[in-house]
Protein backbone atom coordinates (compact mmCIF):
# COMPACT_ATOMS: atom_id res chain seq x y z
CA MET A 1 0.00 0.00 0.00
CA HIS A 2 1.25 3.46 -0.86
CA SER A 3 0.18 6.70 0.75
CA SER A 4 0.79 10.27 -0.36
CA SER A 5 -0.46 13.56 1.04
CA THR A 6 -0.63 17.22 0.14
CA SER A 7 -1.21 20.02 2.60
CA GLY A 8 -3.96 22.63 2.97
CA SER A 9 -5.56 24.72 5.69
CA ARG A 10 -8.59 23.83 7.80
CA LEU A 11 -12.12 24.30 6.46
CA SER A 12 -14.86 24.52 9.10
CA LEU A 13 -18.54 23.74 8.73
CA ASN A 14 -19.47 27.22 9.91
CA SER A 15 -17.12 28.79 7.37
CA LEU A 16 -18.84 26.78 4.64
CA LYS A 17 -22.16 28.41 5.54
CA SER A 18 -20.70 31.90 5.74
CA LEU A 19 -18.48 31.92 2.65
CA PRO A 20 -19.77 34.01 -0.27
CA ILE A 21 -20.79 32.26 -3.45
CA LYS A 22 -17.59 33.39 -5.21
CA SER A 23 -15.45 31.65 -2.57
CA LEU A 24 -17.37 28.44 -3.07
CA ALA A 25 -17.38 28.58 -6.86
CA PHE A 26 -14.77 25.87 -7.37
CA SER A 27 -14.92 24.09 -4.07
CA THR A 28 -18.42 23.19 -2.97
CA LEU A 29 -22.01 23.23 -4.05
CA LEU A 30 -24.39 25.46 -2.08
CA LEU A 31 -25.55 22.83 0.39
CA PRO A 32 -28.97 22.78 2.02
CA PHE A 33 -28.78 23.97 5.61
CA HIS A 34 -30.28 20.71 6.86
CA SER A 35 -27.63 18.58 5.12
CA ILE A 36 -24.81 20.44 6.87
CA ASN A 37 -26.42 20.23 10.28
CA ALA A 38 -27.76 16.69 10.09
CA SER A 39 -26.14 15.79 13.43
CA LYS A 40 -27.80 12.38 13.65
CA THR A 41 -26.08 11.18 10.47
CA ALA A 42 -22.37 10.43 10.40
CA TYR A 43 -21.32 11.95 7.09
CA GLN A 44 -17.88 11.47 5.56
CA PHE A 45 -17.90 15.20 4.79
CA ASP A 46 -17.88 15.91 8.54
CA THR A 47 -14.89 13.59 8.95
CA VAL A 48 -12.98 15.34 6.17
CA VAL A 49 -13.67 18.78 7.64
CA ASN A 50 -12.91 17.81 11.22
CA ASN A 51 -9.66 16.03 10.31
CA ASN A 52 -8.68 18.54 7.62
CA LYS A 53 -7.84 15.49 5.52
CA LEU A 54 -9.38 13.69 2.52
CA VAL A 55 -8.54 9.98 2.41
CA VAL A 56 -8.99 8.42 -1.04
CA VAL A 57 -8.27 4.83 -2.02
CA SER A 58 -7.68 3.55 -5.55
CA VAL A 59 -6.14 0.78 -7.61
CA ALA A 60 -3.07 1.84 -9.56
CA ASN A 61 -3.62 1.58 -13.31
CA PRO A 62 -2.96 3.73 -16.42
CA THR A 63 -6.16 5.74 -15.89
CA THR A 64 -5.89 6.38 -12.16
CA VAL A 65 -2.34 6.78 -10.89
CA PHE A 66 1.34 6.02 -11.46
CA GLU A 67 3.93 6.20 -8.73
CA ASP A 68 6.87 8.39 -9.72
CA SER A 69 9.50 7.89 -7.01
CA ASP A 70 7.95 9.59 -3.96
CA HIS A 71 5.44 11.40 -6.16
CA LEU A 72 2.20 10.32 -7.78
CA HIS A 73 0.70 11.38 -11.09
CA GLY A 74 -2.16 10.29 -13.31
CA PHE A 75 -5.47 11.44 -14.74
CA GLY A 76 -7.56 10.19 -11.83
CA TYR A 77 -5.03 11.26 -9.23
CA ASP A 78 -4.91 14.81 -10.60
CA LEU A 79 -8.69 15.06 -10.46
CA VAL A 80 -8.74 13.90 -6.84
CA ARG A 81 -5.84 16.21 -5.94
CA ASN A 82 -7.69 19.18 -7.46
CA TYR A 83 -10.84 18.26 -5.53
CA ALA A 84 -8.89 18.16 -2.24
CA GLU A 85 -7.38 21.57 -3.08
CA SER A 86 -10.86 22.94 -3.78
CA LEU A 87 -11.89 21.88 -0.26
CA ASN A 88 -8.62 23.28 1.11
CA VAL A 89 -7.76 20.03 2.90
CA ARG A 90 -4.83 17.61 2.80
CA LEU A 91 -5.03 14.66 0.44
CA GLU A 92 -4.02 11.25 1.70
CA PHE A 93 -4.02 9.00 -1.35
CA LYS A 94 -3.70 5.24 -0.88
CA THR A 95 -3.49 2.38 -3.35
CA VAL A 96 -4.72 -1.18 -2.89
CA ASP A 97 -4.50 -4.30 -5.05
CA ASP A 98 -8.06 -4.54 -6.36
CA ASN A 99 -11.42 -2.79 -6.65
CA ALA A 100 -13.05 -5.13 -4.12
CA THR A 101 -10.61 -3.99 -1.43
CA ALA A 102 -11.17 -0.34 -2.34
CA LEU A 103 -14.94 -0.77 -2.01
CA LYS A 104 -14.49 -2.53 1.33
CA TRP A 105 -12.45 0.43 2.62
CA VAL A 106 -15.31 2.81 1.77
CA LYS A 107 -17.87 0.51 3.39
CA GLN A 108 -15.74 0.27 6.55
CA GLY A 109 -15.04 4.01 6.66
CA LYS A 110 -11.28 3.51 6.18
CA ALA A 111 -11.44 5.87 3.18
CA ASN A 112 -13.72 8.84 2.53
CA PHE A 113 -14.25 7.63 -1.02
CA ALA A 114 -12.74 5.33 -3.63
CA MET A 115 -11.71 5.86 -7.23
CA THR A 116 -12.35 2.61 -9.08
CA THR A 117 -13.32 0.94 -12.32
CA ALA A 118 -15.65 -1.41 -10.44
CA SER A 119 -18.95 -2.41 -12.03
CA ILE A 120 -22.21 -0.78 -10.96
CA GLN A 121 -23.42 -4.21 -9.84
CA SER A 122 -20.49 -4.74 -7.46
CA ILE A 123 -20.89 -1.21 -6.07
CA GLU A 124 -24.61 -1.63 -5.49
CA ALA A 125 -24.02 -5.06 -3.93
CA LYS A 126 -22.02 -3.28 -1.21
CA LYS A 127 -24.90 -0.77 -0.82
CA LEU A 128 -22.57 2.05 -1.93
CA THR A 129 -23.20 4.89 -4.39
CA SER A 130 -21.09 6.16 -7.30
CA PHE A 131 -20.95 8.56 -10.21
CA SER A 132 -18.86 8.88 -13.35
CA ALA A 133 -15.48 10.56 -12.84
CA SER A 134 -16.02 12.33 -16.16
CA CYS A 135 -19.53 13.70 -15.51
CA GLY A 136 -20.65 11.63 -18.48
CA ASP A 137 -17.90 12.87 -20.82
CA THR A 138 -16.76 9.35 -21.66
CA ALA A 139 -15.83 10.52 -25.18
CA SER A 140 -12.88 12.55 -23.82
CA LEU A 141 -11.65 9.54 -21.87
CA GLN A 142 -12.14 7.12 -24.74
CA LYS A 143 -10.32 9.18 -27.37
CA ASN A 144 -7.33 9.48 -25.03
CA GLY A 145 -7.22 5.77 -24.28
CA LEU A 146 -8.45 6.13 -20.69
CA ASN A 147 -10.89 3.77 -19.00
CA THR A 148 -14.42 5.11 -19.44
CA ASP A 149 -15.63 3.11 -16.41
CA LEU A 150 -13.70 5.32 -13.99
CA ASN A 151 -15.95 6.24 -11.07
CA TRP A 152 -15.89 7.78 -7.60
CA VAL A 153 -17.58 5.62 -4.96
CA PHE A 154 -19.09 6.93 -1.72
CA LYS A 155 -20.81 5.46 1.30
CA ALA A 156 -24.00 7.52 0.90
CA ALA A 157 -25.57 9.51 -1.93
CA ASP A 158 -26.84 12.26 0.40
CA ASP A 159 -23.42 12.82 2.00
CA PRO A 160 -22.31 16.41 1.26
CA LEU A 161 -18.93 14.94 0.27
CA SER A 162 -20.59 13.04 -2.56
CA GLU A 163 -22.66 16.08 -3.55
CA THR A 164 -19.69 18.47 -3.64
CA ALA A 165 -17.50 15.94 -5.46
CA ASN A 166 -20.11 15.42 -8.16
CA GLY A 167 -20.46 19.17 -8.59
CA PHE A 168 -16.67 19.56 -8.75
CA ILE A 169 -16.34 16.93 -11.50
CA CYS A 170 -19.07 18.53 -13.59
CA ARG A 171 -17.57 22.00 -13.20
CA SER A 172 -14.21 20.55 -14.28
CA LYS A 173 -15.95 19.23 -17.38
CA GLN A 174 -17.62 22.59 -18.08
CA SER A 175 -14.37 24.55 -17.61
CA GLY A 176 -12.39 22.20 -19.88
CA THR A 177 -10.04 21.12 -17.08
CA LEU A 178 -11.16 17.51 -17.32
CA GLN A 179 -10.59 17.40 -21.08
CA GLN A 180 -7.12 18.98 -20.73
CA LEU A 181 -6.09 16.45 -18.08
CA ALA A 182 -7.32 13.61 -20.29
CA SER A 183 -5.33 15.05 -23.20
CA PHE A 184 -2.12 15.27 -21.17
CA TYR A 185 -2.52 11.71 -19.90
CA ASN A 186 -3.34 10.44 -23.39
CA ARG A 187 -2.46 6.74 -23.60
CA ASN A 188 -2.30 7.02 -27.40
CA VAL A 189 0.29 9.81 -27.54
CA ILE A 190 2.69 7.19 -28.91
CA LYS A 191 1.29 4.86 -31.55
CA GLN A 192 1.06 1.21 -30.54
CA GLU A 193 3.33 0.06 -33.38
CA SER A 194 6.06 2.43 -32.17
CA TRP A 195 6.32 0.70 -28.80
CA ASP A 196 7.98 -2.34 -30.40
CA ILE A 197 10.78 -0.11 -31.71
CA ILE A 198 11.02 1.75 -28.41
CA GLN A 199 11.23 -1.50 -26.46
CA ARG A 200 13.92 -2.81 -28.80
CA ASP A 201 15.95 0.39 -28.33
CA LEU A 202 15.59 0.29 -24.55
CA ASN A 203 16.48 -3.42 -24.33
CA LYS A 204 19.62 -2.74 -26.35
CA ARG A 205 20.84 0.52 -24.79
CA MET A 206 19.44 0.74 -21.27
CA PRO A 207 21.84 -1.89 -19.84
CA ILE A 208 24.77 0.27 -21.00
CA TYR A 209 23.63 3.48 -19.29
CA LYS A 210 21.37 2.35 -16.44
CA ALA A 211 24.12 2.49 -13.79
CA ASN A 212 25.03 6.03 -14.91
CA PHE A 213 21.40 7.13 -14.76
CA GLN A 214 20.95 5.62 -11.31
CA ARG A 215 24.17 7.03 -9.85
CA THR A 216 23.59 10.53 -11.23
CA ALA A 217 19.89 10.59 -10.35
CA ASN A 218 20.76 9.61 -6.78
CA GLN A 219 23.22 12.51 -6.61
CA TYR A 220 20.48 15.01 -7.47
CA ASP A 221 17.60 13.15 -5.75
CA ILE A 222 15.82 12.60 -9.09
CA ASP A 223 13.98 9.44 -10.13
CA TRP A 224 16.40 7.60 -12.45
CA HIS A 225 13.48 6.37 -14.57
CA LEU A 226 12.59 10.00 -15.31
CA LEU A 227 16.19 10.84 -16.17
CA ALA A 228 16.32 7.85 -18.54
CA ALA A 229 13.00 8.91 -20.10
CA ILE A 230 14.46 12.38 -20.79
CA GLY A 231 17.52 10.74 -22.35
CA TYR A 232 15.39 8.55 -24.60
CA GLN A 233 13.27 11.49 -25.74
CA GLU A 234 16.37 13.56 -26.43
CA SER A 235 18.55 11.07 -28.31
CA TYR A 236 17.05 7.57 -28.19
CA LEU A 237 19.99 6.97 -25.79
CA LYS A 238 22.53 7.51 -28.58
CA PRO A 239 25.58 9.42 -27.22
CA ASN A 240 26.72 10.60 -30.66
CA SER A 241 23.41 12.23 -31.57
CA VAL A 242 23.55 15.73 -33.04
CA SER A 243 20.77 18.05 -34.19
CA PRO A 244 20.77 20.62 -37.04
CA THR A 245 20.81 23.37 -34.37
CA GLY A 246 24.01 22.06 -32.80
CA VAL A 247 22.77 20.35 -29.65
CA ARG A 248 24.47 17.02 -29.15
CA GLY A 249 25.07 14.04 -26.94
CA LEU A 250 22.86 11.60 -25.08
CA MET A 251 21.04 14.42 -23.24
CA MET A 252 21.31 16.79 -26.25
CA LEU A 253 22.90 19.75 -24.49
CA THR A 254 23.64 23.05 -26.20
CA ASN A 255 27.26 24.14 -26.12
CA SER A 256 26.51 26.97 -23.70
CA THR A 257 24.47 24.76 -21.35
CA ALA A 258 27.18 22.10 -21.40
CA LYS A 259 29.84 24.65 -20.41
CA ALA A 260 27.62 26.04 -17.66
CA MET A 261 27.10 22.52 -16.28
CA GLY A 262 30.83 21.72 -16.40
CA VAL A 263 30.59 19.33 -19.35
CA THR A 264 33.77 19.35 -21.46
CA ASN A 265 32.79 16.56 -23.87
CA ARG A 266 29.12 16.46 -24.84
CA THR A 267 29.46 13.10 -26.59
CA ASP A 268 30.77 11.40 -23.46
CA PRO A 269 27.65 9.66 -22.11
CA ALA A 270 28.60 9.94 -18.43
CA GLN A 271 29.32 13.67 -18.76
CA SER A 272 26.15 14.23 -20.76
CA ILE A 273 23.96 12.44 -18.21
CA GLN A 274 25.66 14.40 -15.41
CA GLY A 275 25.13 17.70 -17.26
CA GLY A 276 21.52 16.91 -18.13
CA ALA A 277 20.69 15.91 -14.55
CA LYS A 278 22.33 19.03 -13.14
CA TYR A 279 20.43 21.27 -15.56
CA TYR A 280 17.12 19.50 -14.89
CA ASP A 281 17.73 19.85 -11.14
CA GLN A 282 18.23 23.58 -11.65
CA MET A 283 14.92 23.74 -13.51
CA LEU A 284 13.20 21.95 -10.60
CA ASP A 285 14.67 24.52 -8.21
CA ARG A 286 13.19 27.34 -10.31
CA TYR A 287 9.71 25.96 -9.68
CA SER A 288 10.18 24.93 -6.05
CA ASP A 289 6.94 26.73 -5.10
CA ILE A 290 4.96 24.38 -7.38
CA PRO A 291 3.98 21.03 -5.83
CA TYR A 292 4.72 17.69 -7.47
CA PRO A 293 3.84 16.23 -9.90
CA ASP A 294 3.29 19.61 -11.62
CA ARG A 295 6.84 20.71 -10.78
CA ASN A 296 8.24 17.90 -12.94
CA TRP A 297 6.18 18.96 -15.94
CA TYR A 298 7.15 22.64 -15.55
CA ALA A 299 10.82 21.68 -15.28
CA LEU A 300 10.57 19.52 -18.41
CA VAL A 301 9.03 22.32 -20.46
CA ALA A 302 11.75 24.66 -19.18
CA TYR A 303 14.40 22.05 -20.08
CA ASN A 304 12.99 22.01 -23.60
CA MET A 305 12.09 25.67 -24.21
CA GLY A 306 14.16 27.48 -21.63
CA PRO A 307 12.84 28.96 -18.36
CA GLY A 308 12.39 32.39 -19.96
CA ALA A 309 9.72 31.03 -22.31
CA VAL A 310 7.91 29.36 -19.40
CA ASN A 311 8.00 32.62 -17.43
CA GLN A 312 6.42 34.46 -20.37
CA ILE A 313 3.55 31.96 -20.48
CA GLN A 314 3.10 32.20 -16.71
CA ASN A 315 2.84 35.99 -16.97
CA ARG A 316 0.21 35.68 -19.71
CA LEU A 317 -1.78 33.19 -17.63
CA LYS A 318 -1.65 35.54 -14.66
CA ALA A 319 -2.91 38.38 -16.85
CA GLN A 320 -5.83 36.15 -17.85
CA GLY A 321 -6.72 35.63 -14.20
CA LYS A 322 -5.53 32.02 -14.14
CA ASN A 323 -3.20 30.38 -11.64
CA PRO A 324 0.20 30.36 -13.44
CA ASN A 325 1.46 27.57 -11.18
CA LYS A 326 -1.11 24.95 -12.16
CA TRP A 327 0.07 22.55 -14.83
CA VAL A 328 -3.36 22.13 -16.40
CA HIS A 329 -3.33 25.86 -17.26
CA LEU A 330 0.20 25.85 -18.69
CA TYR A 331 -0.52 22.73 -20.71
CA ALA A 332 -3.80 24.18 -22.00
CA TYR A 333 -1.94 27.31 -23.12
CA LEU A 334 0.61 25.22 -25.05
CA GLU A 335 -2.14 23.18 -26.68
CA ARG A 336 -4.28 26.23 -27.51
CA ASN A 337 -1.41 28.05 -29.21
CA LYS A 338 0.55 25.18 -30.75
CA ALA A 339 -0.90 25.74 -34.23
CA SER A 340 0.65 29.21 -34.41
CA ASN A 341 3.83 28.49 -32.45
CA GLY A 342 6.00 25.50 -33.30
CA ARG A 343 7.91 25.76 -30.03
CA TYR A 344 4.69 25.26 -28.08
CA ARG A 345 3.76 22.23 -30.17
CA GLN A 346 7.22 20.76 -29.59
CA ALA A 347 7.11 21.44 -25.84
CA ALA A 348 3.67 19.85 -25.43
CA GLN A 349 4.79 16.78 -27.35
CA TYR A 350 8.08 16.70 -25.44
CA VAL A 351 6.55 16.54 -21.97
CA THR A 352 3.73 14.13 -22.88
CA ARG A 353 6.18 11.71 -24.52
CA ILE A 354 8.55 11.79 -21.56
CA ARG A 355 5.61 11.06 -19.27
CA ALA A 356 4.72 8.07 -21.46
CA TYR A 357 8.34 6.82 -21.55
CA LEU A 358 8.61 7.26 -17.77
CA GLU A 359 5.51 5.14 -17.18
CA HIS A 360 6.71 2.51 -19.66
CA ILE A 361 10.16 2.21 -18.07
CA LYS A 362 8.69 2.03 -14.56
CA THR A 363 6.15 -0.66 -15.45
CA THR A 364 8.24 -2.90 -17.73
CA PRO A 365 9.91 -5.56 -15.54
CA GLN A 366 12.75 -6.36 -17.95
CA LEU A 367 13.81 -2.70 -17.94
CA VAL A 368 13.52 -2.20 -14.19
CA ASN A 369 15.43 -5.43 -13.50
CA ILE A 370 18.19 -5.04 -16.11
């Protein structure tokens, strides 16, 4: 079992009743007075508020969550994380082996709700209630290769936690956030036939460089799988790679970046991996105020485009009244403007491919155990 948490400040029941509509716009539905004060009923919402913590259980799969070192990411996980942020409470996210166990946790009150792909029949058999994690927008999930059966399961339909969660999901659909998250976590970003070539490349080259990736990643406290995924995206793990613009080596460093990172020979794989890791670590430091997993995606875009370009986009997002430190907004900006700006198209493709390579490397036993 894995557990992860994010922090937030306490939200009281009284504050819920007194907050203006604007404050509640992306966090809760306007709840009936009787549902908040139903003292005779033990609601999970009360538990969340009183403990300042949302406990969610799920089964790890390509639609819900991937574990990235100490950090989690995934379409379902991001939705749950955003919901916890909207309530201004900590998220404690736990994974179990199967849907049956997840449902049992909800029934027993060990989790406030579950994110599953369990059938309606199995949910109803436990006398639990659920709703679609896409607010019915299964088309967005399907076209991005995500499981359309993804649902959020609660102990009671009249629990304010279930009501606010349902409202949150549907507002995410209406705002386009849900569609953008589905697009970023697209399982079809790399064509199925390409995976055979990718696997062949990794089987051939990963054994040569794995020790270097691991040693260097440990030095900078970076997941070595992520560092290897960057290397594959940059050069297919070919140390003699060179681009028409003059970047070269396994991590495809520019001459100026190589010098700044202390790399004297860009085609030396050990030096290139060291230089790439050091530069990526510097990009992570630039976005230290952004929580994971978003910080990884920001750092990757900065690695590709340069931090100045990322800062420009952040300033434009801020001018539009959007949070410049939320990945879904930065990604949406890249996607929205990629037709008119080739750098944005390249950056969006860059980060989504690295995410896909990262997940592949982490979940392919022969690569992990080389």
